[in-house]
PDB file of N, CA and C in Angstrom:
ATOM      1  N   MET A   1      44.327 -15.938 -33.000  1.00  0.00           N
ATOM      2  CA  MET A   1      44.321 -17.120 -33.330  1.00  0.00           C
ATOM      3  C   MET A   1      44.336 -17.189 -34.908  1.00  0.00           C
ATOM      4  N   LYS A   2      44.652 -18.186 -35.424  1.00  0.00           N
ATOM      5  CA  LYS A   2      44.676 -18.399 -36.532  1.00  0.00           C
ATOM      6  C   LYS A   2      43.201 -19.592 -37.056  1.00  0.00           C
ATOM      7  N   THR A   3      42.642 -18.803 -38.112  1.00  0.00           N
ATOM      8  CA  THR A   3      41.525 -19.980 -38.358  1.00  0.00           C
ATOM      9  C   THR A   3      41.831 -20.299 -39.838  1.00  0.00           C
ATOM     10  N   LEU A   4      41.777 -21.793 -40.107  1.00  0.00           N
ATOM     11  CA  LEU A   4      41.931 -22.646 -41.224  1.00  0.00           C
ATOM     12  C   LEU A   4      40.901 -23.373 -41.514  1.00  0.00           C
ATOM     13  N   SER A   5      40.740 -23.205 -42.886  1.00  0.00           N
ATOM     14  CA  SER A   5      39.802 -24.234 -43.613  1.00  0.00           C
ATOM     15  C   SER A   5      40.468 -25.216 -44.158  1.00  0.00           C
ATOM     16  N   ILE A   6      40.732 -26.394 -44.172  1.00  0.00           N
ATOM     17  CA  ILE A   6      41.388 -27.576 -44.446  1.00  0.00           C
ATOM     18  C   ILE A   6      40.426 -28.744 -44.780  1.00  0.00           C
ATOM     19  N   GLY A   7      40.444 -29.121 -46.262  1.00  0.00           N
ATOM     20  CA  GLY A   7      39.399 -30.379 -46.700  1.00  0.00           C
ATOM     21  C   GLY A   7      38.351 -30.628 -45.931  1.00  0.00           C
ATOM     22  N   GLY A   8      37.355 -29.615 -45.854  1.00  0.00           N
ATOM     23  CA  GLY A   8      36.205 -29.223 -45.558  1.00  0.00           C
ATOM     24  C   GLY A   8      35.964 -29.259 -44.184  1.00  0.00           C
ATOM     25  N   THR A   9      37.314 -28.959 -43.280  1.00  0.00           N
ATOM     26  CA  THR A   9      37.097 -28.984 -41.771  1.00  0.00           C
ATOM     27  C   THR A   9      37.486 -27.463 -41.663  1.00  0.00           C
ATOM     28  N   ARG A  10      36.702 -26.837 -40.545  1.00  0.00           N
ATOM     29  CA  ARG A  10      37.151 -25.409 -40.204  1.00  0.00           C
ATOM     30  C   ARG A  10      37.674 -25.456 -38.816  1.00  0.00           C
ATOM     31  N   ILE A  11      39.217 -25.134 -38.519  1.00  0.00           N
ATOM     32  CA  ILE A  11      39.773 -25.335 -37.440  1.00  0.00           C
ATOM     33  C   ILE A  11      40.476 -23.837 -36.895  1.00  0.00           C
ATOM     34  N   GLN A  12      40.828 -23.445 -35.775  1.00  0.00           N
ATOM     35  CA  GLN A  12      41.292 -22.787 -35.028  1.00  0.00           C
ATOM     36  C   GLN A  12      42.628 -23.067 -34.211  1.00  0.00           C
ATOM     37  N   VAL A  13      43.938 -22.291 -34.832  1.00  0.00           N
ATOM     38  CA  VAL A  13      44.928 -22.849 -34.072  1.00  0.00           C
ATOM     39  C   VAL A  13      44.887 -21.759 -32.786  1.00  0.00           C
ATOM     40  N   ALA A  14      44.689 -22.802 -31.639  1.00  0.00           N
ATOM     41  CA  ALA A  14      44.460 -21.971 -30.191  1.00  0.00           C
ATOM     42  C   ALA A  14      45.985 -21.765 -29.716  1.00  0.00           C
ATOM     43  N   LEU A  15      46.652 -22.660 -29.800  1.00  0.00           N
ATOM     44  CA  LEU A  15      47.884 -22.909 -28.863  1.00  0.00           C
ATOM     45  C   LEU A  15      49.140 -23.390 -29.506  1.00  0.00           C
ATOM     46  N   ASP A  16      50.173 -22.737 -29.569  1.00  0.00           N
ATOM     47  CA  ASP A  16      51.242 -23.499 -30.109  1.00  0.00           C
ATOM     48  C   ASP A  16      52.630 -23.084 -29.463  1.00  0.00           C
ATOM     49  N   THR A  17      52.954 -24.100 -28.323  1.00  0.00           N
ATOM     50  CA  THR A  17      53.914 -23.921 -27.617  1.00  0.00           C
ATOM     51  C   THR A  17      55.662 -24.519 -27.773  1.00  0.00           C
ATOM     52  N   GLY A  18      55.135 -24.903 -29.084  1.00  0.00           N
ATOM     53  CA  GLY A  18      56.469 -25.432 -29.882  1.00  0.00           C
ATOM     54  C   GLY A  18      56.663 -27.031 -29.498  1.00  0.00           C
ATOM     55  N   ARG A  19      56.189 -27.173 -28.363  1.00  0.00           N
ATOM     56  CA  ARG A  19      56.004 -28.923 -28.481  1.00  0.00           C
ATOM     57  C   ARG A  19      54.746 -29.191 -28.317  1.00  0.00           C
ATOM     58  N   VAL A  20      53.611 -28.297 -28.055  1.00  0.00           N
ATOM     59  CA  VAL A  20      52.316 -28.990 -28.205  1.00  0.00           C
ATOM     60  C   VAL A  20      51.329 -27.734 -29.108  1.00  0.00           C
ATOM     61  N   LEU A  21      50.672 -28.346 -30.089  1.00  0.00           N
ATOM     62  CA  LEU A  21      49.968 -27.638 -31.008  1.00  0.00           C
ATOM     63  C   LEU A  21      48.162 -28.024 -30.509  1.00  0.00           C
ATOM     64  N   LEU A  22      47.477 -26.853 -30.039  1.00  0.00           N
ATOM     65  CA  LEU A  22      46.171 -27.239 -29.888  1.00  0.00           C
ATOM     66  C   LEU A  22      45.324 -26.617 -31.144  1.00  0.00           C
ATOM     67  N   ILE A  23      44.636 -27.312 -31.470  1.00  0.00           N
ATOM     68  CA  ILE A  23      43.372 -26.692 -32.385  1.00  0.00           C
ATOM     69  C   ILE A  23      42.465 -27.329 -31.816  1.00  0.00           C
ATOM     70  N   ASN A  24      41.139 -26.043 -32.145  1.00  0.00           N
ATOM     71  CA  ASN A  24      39.574 -26.338 -32.047  1.00  0.00           C
ATOM     72  C   ASN A  24      39.016 -26.478 -33.088  1.00  0.00           C
ATOM     73  N   ASP A  25      38.160 -27.112 -33.210  1.00  0.00           N
ATOM     74  CA  ASP A  25      37.052 -27.358 -34.118  1.00  0.00           C
ATOM     75  C   ASP A  25      35.786 -26.734 -34.143  1.00  0.00           C
ATOM     76  N   ILE A  26      35.872 -25.464 -34.845  1.00  0.00           N
ATOM     77  CA  ILE A  26      35.048 -24.643 -34.831  1.00  0.00           C
ATOM     78  C   ILE A  26      33.810 -24.704 -35.739  1.00  0.00           C
ATOM     79  N   GLY A  27      33.607 -25.671 -36.466  1.00  0.00           N
ATOM     80  CA  GLY A  27      32.436 -25.605 -37.704  1.00  0.00           C
ATOM     81  C   GLY A  27      32.116 -24.659 -38.168  1.00  0.00           C
ATOM     82  N   PRO A  28      30.876 -24.335 -38.746  1.00  0.00           N
ATOM     83  CA  PRO A  28      29.610 -24.963 -37.874  1.00  0.00           C
ATOM     84  C   PRO A  28      29.725 -26.475 -38.946  1.00  0.00           C
ATOM     85  N   TRP A  29      29.039 -27.443 -37.899  1.00  0.00           N
ATOM     86  CA  TRP A  29      29.131 -28.790 -38.432  1.00  0.00           C
ATOM     87  C   TRP A  29      28.063 -28.980 -39.501  1.00  0.00           C
ATOM     88  N   ASN A  30      26.660 -28.333 -39.473  1.00  0.00           N
ATOM     89  CA  ASN A  30      26.032 -28.402 -40.820  1.00  0.00           C
ATOM     90  C   ASN A  30      26.658 -28.244 -41.953  1.00  0.00           C
ATOM     91  N   SER A  31      27.939 -27.253 -42.013  1.00  0.00           N
ATOM     92  CA  SER A  31      28.537 -26.633 -43.224  1.00  0.00           C
ATOM     93  C   SER A  31      29.944 -27.684 -43.299  1.00  0.00           C
ATOM     94  N   TYR A  32      30.768 -27.770 -42.414  1.00  0.00           N
ATOM     95  CA  TYR A  32      31.918 -28.275 -42.183  1.00  0.00           C
ATOM     96  C   TYR A  32      32.032 -29.745 -41.616  1.00  0.00           C
ATOM     97  N   LYS A  33      33.220 -30.495 -42.330  1.00  0.00           N
ATOM     98  CA  LYS A  33      33.168 -31.691 -41.518  1.00  0.00           C
ATOM     99  C   LYS A  33      34.214 -31.579 -40.159  1.00  0.00           C
ATOM    100  N   THR A  34      33.822 -32.823 -39.287  1.00  0.00           N
ATOM    101  CA  THR A  34      34.616 -32.163 -37.702  1.00  0.00           C
ATOM    102  C   THR A  34      35.818 -32.975 -37.949  1.00  0.00           C
ATOM    103  N   VAL A  35      37.017 -32.478 -37.030  1.00  0.00           N
ATOM    104  CA  VAL A  35      38.135 -32.992 -37.075  1.00  0.00           C
ATOM    105  C   VAL A  35      38.232 -34.552 -36.941  1.00  0.00           C
ATOM    106  N   THR A  36      37.395 -34.987 -36.204  1.00  0.00           N
ATOM    107  CA  THR A  36      37.276 -36.478 -35.759  1.00  0.00           C
ATOM    108  C   THR A  36      37.174 -37.179 -36.748  1.00  0.00           C
ATOM    109  N   ASN A  37      36.282 -36.549 -37.762  1.00  0.00           N
ATOM    110  CA  ASN A  37      35.912 -37.467 -39.032  1.00  0.00           C
ATOM    111  C   ASN A  37      37.000 -36.806 -40.052  1.00  0.00           C
ATOM    112  N   SER A  38      37.653 -36.196 -40.069  1.00  0.00           N
ATOM    113  CA  SER A  38      38.520 -35.461 -41.234  1.00  0.00           C
ATOM    114  C   SER A  38      40.075 -35.981 -40.597  1.00  0.00           C
ATOM    115  N   ALA A  39      40.362 -36.748 -39.538  1.00  0.00           N
ATOM    116  CA  ALA A  39      41.456 -36.744 -38.922  1.00  0.00           C
ATOM    117  C   ALA A  39      43.001 -36.892 -39.768  1.00  0.00           C
ATOM    118  N   GLU A  40      42.589 -37.751 -40.670  1.00  0.00           N
ATOM    119  CA  GLU A  40      43.633 -37.998 -41.486  1.00  0.00           C
ATOM    120  C   GLU A  40      44.148 -37.003 -42.556  1.00  0.00           C
ATOM    121  N   PHE A  41      43.245 -36.318 -43.008  1.00  0.00           N
ATOM    122  CA  PHE A  41      43.241 -35.254 -43.890  1.00  0.00           C
ATOM    123  C   PHE A  41      43.801 -33.858 -42.868  1.00  0.00           C
ATOM    124  N   VAL A  42      43.462 -33.504 -41.821  1.00  0.00           N
ATOM    125  CA  VAL A  42      43.861 -32.653 -41.143  1.00  0.00           C
ATOM    126  C   VAL A  42      45.377 -32.541 -40.582  1.00  0.00           C
ATOM    127  N   VAL A  43      45.634 -33.690 -40.169  1.00  0.00           N
ATOM    128  CA  VAL A  43      47.312 -34.125 -39.770  1.00  0.00           C
ATOM    129  C   VAL A  43      47.958 -33.770 -41.145  1.00  0.00           C
ATOM    130  N   ARG A  44      47.464 -34.398 -42.052  1.00  0.00           N
ATOM    131  CA  ARG A  44      48.463 -34.435 -43.348  1.00  0.00           C
ATOM    132  C   ARG A  44      48.633 -32.927 -43.718  1.00  0.00           C
ATOM    133  N   ALA A  45      47.373 -32.012 -44.118  1.00  0.00           N
ATOM    134  CA  ALA A  45      47.563 -30.639 -44.324  1.00  0.00           C
ATOM    135  C   ALA A  45      48.326 -30.029 -43.537  1.00  0.00           C
ATOM    136  N   LEU A  46      48.183 -29.901 -42.176  1.00  0.00           N
ATOM    137  CA  LEU A  46      48.771 -29.185 -41.061  1.00  0.00           C
ATOM    138  C   LEU A  46      50.248 -29.178 -41.029  1.00  0.00           C
ATOM    139  N   HIS A  47      50.830 -30.628 -41.295  1.00  0.00           N
ATOM    140  CA  HIS A  47      51.889 -30.987 -41.473  1.00  0.00           C
ATOM    141  C   HIS A  47      52.757 -30.469 -43.310  1.00  0.00           C
ATOM    142  N   GLN A  48      51.838 -30.504 -44.180  1.00  0.00           N
ATOM    143  CA  GLN A  48      52.224 -30.190 -45.289  1.00  0.00           C
ATOM    144  C   GLN A  48      52.494 -28.702 -45.569  1.00  0.00           C
ATOM    145  N   THR A  49      51.647 -27.800 -44.603  1.00  0.00           N
ATOM    146  CA  THR A  49      51.794 -26.361 -44.256  1.00  0.00           C
ATOM    147  C   THR A  49      52.740 -25.755 -43.676  1.00  0.00           C
ATOM    148  N   GLY A  50      53.362 -26.736 -42.693  1.00  0.00           N
ATOM    149  CA  GLY A  50      54.499 -26.454 -41.738  1.00  0.00           C
ATOM    150  C   GLY A  50      53.921 -25.956 -40.412  1.00  0.00           C
ATOM    151  N   VAL A  51      52.741 -26.049 -40.172  1.00  0.00           N
ATOM    152  CA  VAL A  51      51.772 -25.696 -39.109  1.00  0.00           C
ATOM    153  C   VAL A  51      52.334 -26.844 -37.812  1.00  0.00           C
ATOM    154  N   LEU A  52      52.243 -27.862 -38.306  1.00  0.00           N
ATOM    155  CA  LEU A  52      52.547 -29.455 -37.383  1.00  0.00           C
ATOM    156  C   LEU A  52      53.883 -29.728 -37.650  1.00  0.00           C
ATOM    157  N   LYS A  53      54.513 -29.887 -36.749  1.00  0.00           N
ATOM    158  CA  LYS A  53      56.153 -30.548 -37.051  1.00  0.00           C
ATOM    159  C   LYS A  53      56.297 -31.686 -36.339  1.00  0.00           C
ATOM    160  N   SER A  54      56.854 -32.252 -37.073  1.00  0.00           N
ATOM    161  CA  SER A  54      56.735 -34.107 -36.856  1.00  0.00           C
ATOM    162  C   SER A  54      57.158 -34.441 -35.262  1.00  0.00           C
ATOM    163  N   ASP A  55      57.683 -33.500 -34.440  1.00  0.00           N
ATOM    164  CA  ASP A  55      57.900 -34.128 -32.864  1.00  0.00           C
ATOM    165  C   ASP A  55      57.080 -33.232 -31.995  1.00  0.00           C
ATOM    166  N   ARG A  56      55.872 -32.726 -32.617  1.00  0.00           N
ATOM    167  CA  ARG A  56      54.927 -31.926 -31.484  1.00  0.00           C
ATOM    168  C   ARG A  56      53.693 -32.801 -31.554  1.00  0.00           C
ATOM    169  N   ARG A  57      53.248 -32.817 -30.379  1.00  0.00           N
ATOM    170  CA  ARG A  57      51.783 -33.283 -29.641  1.00  0.00           C
ATOM    171  C   ARG A  57      50.452 -32.630 -30.636  1.00  0.00           C
ATOM    172  N   LEU A  58      49.803 -32.993 -31.192  1.00  0.00           N
ATOM    173  CA  LEU A  58      48.715 -32.283 -31.694  1.00  0.00           C
ATOM    174  C   LEU A  58      47.342 -32.761 -30.797  1.00  0.00           C
ATOM    175  N   ILE A  59      47.084 -31.737 -30.057  1.00  0.00           N
ATOM    176  CA  ILE A  59      45.839 -31.827 -29.182  1.00  0.00           C
ATOM    177  C   ILE A  59      44.765 -30.897 -29.917  1.00  0.00           C
ATOM    178  N   TYR A  60      43.448 -31.282 -29.826  1.00  0.00           N
ATOM    179  CA  TYR A  60      42.276 -30.800 -30.375  1.00  0.00           C
ATOM    180  C   TYR A  60      41.187 -30.950 -29.434  1.00  0.00           C
ATOM    181  N   ARG A  61      40.526 -29.895 -29.700  1.00  0.00           N
ATOM    182  CA  ARG A  61      38.844 -29.398 -28.918  1.00  0.00           C
ATOM    183  C   ARG A  61      38.141 -30.183 -29.979  1.00  0.00           C
ATOM    184  N   ASP A  62      37.483 -31.136 -29.794  1.00  0.00           N
ATOM    185  CA  ASP A  62      36.244 -31.581 -30.661  1.00  0.00           C
ATOM    186  C   ASP A  62      35.150 -30.869 -30.940  1.00  0.00           C
ATOM    187  N   SER A  63      34.310 -31.222 -31.591  1.00  0.00           N
ATOM    188  CA  SER A  63      32.954 -30.434 -31.882  1.00  0.00           C
ATOM    189  C   SER A  63      32.055 -30.153 -30.599  1.00  0.00           C
ATOM    190  N   GLU A  64      32.355 -31.148 -29.598  1.00  0.00           N
ATOM    191  CA  GLU A  64      31.555 -31.256 -28.470  1.00  0.00           C
ATOM    192  C   GLU A  64      32.464 -30.817 -27.244  1.00  0.00           C
ATOM    193  N   GLY A  65      33.505 -30.034 -27.603  1.00  0.00           N
ATOM    194  CA  GLY A  65      34.410 -29.614 -26.428  1.00  0.00           C
ATOM    195  C   GLY A  65      35.179 -30.132 -25.834  1.00  0.00           C
ATOM    196  N   GLN A  66      35.286 -31.734 -26.149  1.00  0.00           N
ATOM    197  CA  GLN A  66      36.386 -32.597 -25.438  1.00  0.00           C
ATOM    198  C   GLN A  66      37.825 -32.649 -26.026  1.00  0.00           C
ATOM    199  N   LEU A  67      38.391 -32.501 -25.015  1.00  0.00           N
ATOM    200  CA  LEU A  67      40.130 -32.527 -25.495  1.00  0.00           C
ATOM    201  C   LEU A  67      40.609 -34.252 -25.930  1.00  0.00           C
ATOM    202  N   GLY A  68      41.345 -34.280 -27.061  1.00  0.00           N
ATOM    203  CA  GLY A  68      41.810 -35.554 -27.617  1.00  0.00           C
ATOM    204  C   GLY A  68      43.047 -35.150 -27.914  1.00  0.00           C
ATOM    205  N   GLU A  69      43.929 -35.997 -28.549  1.00  0.00           N
ATOM    206  CA  GLU A  69      44.909 -36.062 -29.114  1.00  0.00           C
ATOM    207  C   GLU A  69      45.061 -36.833 -30.462  1.00  0.00           C
ATOM    208  N   LEU A  70      45.325 -36.430 -31.696  1.00  0.00           N
ATOM    209  CA  LEU A  70      45.841 -36.757 -33.207  1.00  0.00           C
ATOM    210  C   LEU A  70      47.102 -37.555 -33.026  1.00  0.00           C
ATOM    211  N   LEU A  71      47.049 -38.608 -33.051  1.00  0.00           N
ATOM    212  CA  LEU A  71      48.774 -39.271 -32.911  1.00  0.00           C
ATOM    213  C   LEU A  71      49.004 -39.336 -34.541  1.00  0.00           C
ATOM    214  N   HIS A  72      50.239 -38.944 -34.379  1.00  0.00           N
ATOM    215  CA  HIS A  72      50.972 -38.853 -35.779  1.00  0.00           C
ATOM    216  C   HIS A  72      52.164 -39.091 -35.806  1.00  0.00           C
ATOM    217  N   ASP A  73      52.597 -39.421 -37.200  1.00  0.00           N
ATOM    218  CA  ASP A  73      54.161 -39.826 -37.554  1.00  0.00           C
ATOM    219  C   ASP A  73      54.464 -39.058 -38.390  1.00  0.00           C
ATOM    220  N   GLY A  74      54.628 -37.502 -38.249  1.00  0.00           N
ATOM    221  CA  GLY A  74      54.864 -36.694 -39.425  1.00  0.00           C
ATOM    222  C   GLY A  74      53.480 -36.394 -40.055  1.00  0.00           C
ATOM    223  N   PRO A  75      53.461 -36.662 -41.385  1.00  0.00           N
ATOM    224  CA  PRO A  75      52.350 -36.134 -42.290  1.00  0.00           C
ATOM    225  C   PRO A  75      51.252 -37.608 -42.163  1.00  0.00           C
ATOM    226  N   THR A  76      51.655 -38.403 -41.006  1.00  0.00           N
ATOM    227  CA  THR A  76      50.709 -39.506 -41.272  1.00  0.00           C
ATOM    228  C   THR A  76      49.634 -39.580 -39.829  1.00  0.00           C
ATOM    229  N   PHE A  77      48.769 -39.747 -40.071  1.00  0.00           N
ATOM    230  CA  PHE A  77      47.820 -40.252 -38.973  1.00  0.00           C
ATOM    231  C   PHE A  77      47.715 -41.336 -38.282  1.00  0.00           C
ATOM    232  N   THR A  78      48.121 -41.361 -37.042  1.00  0.00           N
ATOM    233  CA  THR A  78      48.321 -43.071 -36.606  1.00  0.00           C
ATOM    234  C   THR A  78      47.343 -43.429 -35.642  1.00  0.00           C
ATOM    235  N   GLY A  79      46.241 -42.314 -35.166  1.00  0.00           N
ATOM    236  CA  GLY A  79      45.090 -43.148 -34.179  1.00  0.00           C
ATOM    237  C   GLY A  79      44.754 -41.990 -33.422  1.00  0.00           C
ATOM    238  N   PHE A  80      44.205 -42.069 -32.094  1.00  0.00           N
ATOM    239  CA  PHE A  80      43.473 -40.992 -31.242  1.00  0.00           C
ATOM    240  C   PHE A  80      44.113 -41.589 -30.058  1.00  0.00           C
ATOM    241  N   GLY A  81      44.377 -40.472 -29.215  1.00  0.00           N
ATOM    242  CA  GLY A  81      44.674 -40.502 -28.022  1.00  0.00           C
ATOM    243  C   GLY A  81      43.782 -39.811 -26.795  1.00  0.00           C
ATOM    244  N   PRO A  82      43.922 -40.131 -25.733  1.00  0.00           N
ATOM    245  CA  PRO A  82      43.147 -38.827 -24.608  1.00  0.00           C
ATOM    246  C   PRO A  82      44.205 -37.718 -24.445  1.00  0.00           C
ATOM    247  N   ALA A  83      43.637 -37.064 -24.037  1.00  0.00           N
ATOM    248  CA  ALA A  83      44.264 -35.603 -23.745  1.00  0.00           C
ATOM    249  C   ALA A  83      43.616 -34.884 -22.671  1.00  0.00           C
ATOM    250  N   THR A  84      44.158 -34.081 -21.692  1.00  0.00           N
ATOM    251  CA  THR A  84      43.548 -33.067 -20.594  1.00  0.00           C
ATOM    252  C   THR A  84      44.441 -31.795 -20.568  1.00  0.00           C
ATOM    253  N   THR A  85      43.581 -30.814 -19.945  1.00  0.00           N
ATOM    254  CA  THR A  85      44.249 -29.539 -19.946  1.00  0.00           C
ATOM    255  C   THR A  85      45.665 -29.793 -19.557  1.00  0.00           C
ATOM    256  N   GLU A  86      46.300 -30.753 -18.699  1.00  0.00           N
ATOM    257  CA  GLU A  86      47.309 -30.738 -18.232  1.00  0.00           C
ATOM    258  C   GLU A  86      48.291 -31.033 -19.191  1.00  0.00           C
ATOM    259  N   ASP A  87      47.926 -31.572 -20.285  1.00  0.00           N
ATOM    260  CA  ASP A  87      48.851 -32.042 -21.693  1.00  0.00           C
ATOM    261  C   ASP A  87      49.441 -30.544 -22.187  1.00  0.00           C
ATOM    262  N   LEU A  88      48.404 -29.420 -22.157  1.00  0.00           N
ATOM    263  CA  LEU A  88      49.032 -28.318 -22.729  1.00  0.00           C
ATOM    264  C   LEU A  88      50.159 -27.318 -22.287  1.00  0.00           C
ATOM    265  N   HIS A  89      50.646 -27.879 -21.158  1.00  0.00           N
ATOM    266  CA  HIS A  89      51.562 -27.059 -20.592  1.00  0.00           C
ATOM    267  C   HIS A  89      52.902 -27.710 -21.084  1.00  0.00           C
TER     268      HIS A  89
END
């Protein structure tokens, strides 16, 4: 698993199926911002580095262990969506 520090957020790329990218928000949150609070920057940075492709879903496990989706249009964060473990297949 690849660990990245981007924009004050620390994440781990946990899964890349080519269709879905799963990142974990690994903190520690007394030192790093959460993915939820840095969603715009996280999406932009992952896209700019080539980790996130425009046609890929970006699922994340937040600081409380809950799954969610960061919706995006390429490098632009467009909102949050629900996600379950079934979305990872």
